[in-house]
Amino acid sequence: MARTWGYWTVGKLDILRAYLDAFTTATKLRARDRIYLDLFAGGLDNRERMTDEPIESSAQIAAESLPGCSIGFLTFEEMWSGLIVCRGAAPASG
């Protein structure tokens, strides 16, 4: 069952998306490996409370920002944590 979130969550996820874009751009020539660890990633089935539109989780946003990376999810008492590991040459940013 989808969890519902308010407008503030959508705003925080927009900030995360912008940060990850800036982070991958800044590190693409400097870092061989990248690790993204989100200890409070939440579930993958999320909806905006007022519109019932789907919302991507922070782990899904990170996976899109870091193409070609290994992705794993851990659970602890129904709390999801996202782990994304990038090894080798950093992907080129378009």
Protein backbone atom coordinates (compact mmCIF):
# COMPACT_ATOMS: atom_id res chain seq x y z
CA MET A 1 0.00 0.00 0.00
CA ALA A 2 1.33 3.42 -0.96
CA ARG A 3 2.36 5.87 1.71
CA THR A 4 1.10 9.42 1.28
CA TRP A 5 3.21 12.54 1.68
CA GLY A 6 2.61 16.28 1.69
CA TYR A 7 3.94 19.10 -0.45
CA TRP A 8 6.96 19.59 1.82
CA THR A 9 8.21 16.11 0.96
CA VAL A 10 7.96 16.85 -2.75
CA GLY A 11 9.98 20.05 -2.11
CA LYS A 12 12.67 18.18 -0.15
CA LEU A 13 12.96 15.60 -2.93
CA ASP A 14 13.35 18.40 -5.50
CA ILE A 15 16.23 19.80 -3.42
CA LEU A 16 17.80 16.32 -3.24
CA ARG A 17 17.54 15.95 -7.03
CA ALA A 18 19.27 19.34 -7.56
CA TYR A 19 21.98 18.47 -4.99
CA LEU A 20 22.73 15.10 -6.59
CA ASP A 21 22.95 16.71 -10.03
CA ALA A 22 25.46 19.25 -8.69
CA PHE A 23 27.35 16.54 -6.78
CA THR A 24 27.76 14.27 -9.79
CA THR A 25 28.85 17.20 -11.95
CA ALA A 26 31.41 18.36 -9.37
CA THR A 27 32.87 14.89 -8.80
CA LYS A 28 32.78 13.41 -12.31
CA LEU A 29 36.48 14.08 -12.93
CA ARG A 30 37.66 13.76 -9.33
CA ALA A 31 36.09 10.61 -7.92
CA ARG A 32 36.63 7.09 -9.20
CA ASP A 33 34.07 5.62 -6.80
CA ARG A 34 30.91 7.04 -5.29
CA ILE A 35 28.76 5.74 -2.50
CA TYR A 36 25.32 7.10 -1.74
CA LEU A 37 23.80 5.92 1.51
CA ASP A 38 20.27 6.97 2.44
CA LEU A 39 19.38 5.64 5.87
CA PHE A 40 15.83 6.98 5.74
CA ALA A 41 14.93 6.23 2.12
CA GLY A 42 11.39 5.12 2.86
CA GLY A 43 9.40 2.76 0.69
CA LEU A 44 9.20 2.73 -3.08
CA ASP A 45 5.42 3.18 -3.35
CA ASN A 46 4.69 6.83 -2.51
CA ARG A 47 1.84 9.22 -3.39
CA GLU A 48 1.25 12.93 -2.99
CA ARG A 49 -1.46 13.33 -0.36
CA MET A 50 -3.59 15.94 -2.12
CA THR A 51 -3.34 14.78 -5.74
CA ASP A 52 -2.61 11.05 -5.35
CA GLU A 53 0.16 11.47 -7.94
CA PRO A 54 3.10 9.06 -7.59
CA ILE A 55 6.26 10.40 -5.92
CA GLU A 56 9.70 8.90 -6.52
CA SER A 57 11.58 7.86 -3.40
CA SER A 58 14.93 9.41 -2.54
CA ALA A 59 16.64 6.14 -3.49
CA GLN A 60 14.94 6.15 -6.90
CA ILE A 61 16.03 9.76 -7.46
CA ALA A 62 19.60 8.89 -6.51
CA ALA A 63 19.60 5.89 -8.84
CA GLU A 64 18.56 8.15 -11.75
CA SER A 65 21.28 10.66 -10.84
CA LEU A 66 23.99 8.02 -10.67
CA PRO A 67 23.57 5.87 -13.83
CA GLY A 68 25.47 2.61 -14.10
CA CYS A 69 25.67 2.12 -10.33
CA SER A 70 24.86 -0.91 -8.22
CA ILE A 71 21.75 -0.41 -6.13
CA GLY A 72 20.71 -2.28 -3.02
CA PHE A 73 17.98 -1.82 -0.46
CA LEU A 74 18.02 -2.91 3.15
CA THR A 75 14.99 -3.11 5.42
CA PHE A 76 14.73 -2.81 9.16
CA GLU A 77 11.29 -2.97 10.73
CA GLU A 78 9.64 -1.71 7.54
CA MET A 79 12.07 1.22 7.17
CA TRP A 80 13.91 1.19 3.87
CA SER A 81 17.50 2.26 3.47
CA GLY A 82 19.02 2.79 0.05
CA LEU A 83 22.62 1.97 -0.80
CA ILE A 84 24.01 2.93 -4.17
CA VAL A 85 27.62 2.13 -5.04
CA CYS A 86 29.42 3.43 -8.14
CA ARG A 87 32.78 1.94 -9.08
CA GLY A 88 35.10 2.73 -11.93
CA ALA A 89 35.05 5.78 -14.14
CA ALA A 90 32.45 8.34 -13.23
CA PRO A 91 29.75 8.61 -15.89
CA ALA A 92 29.90 11.64 -18.14
CA SER A 93 27.27 14.26 -17.48
CA GLY A 94 25.24 15.43 -20.47
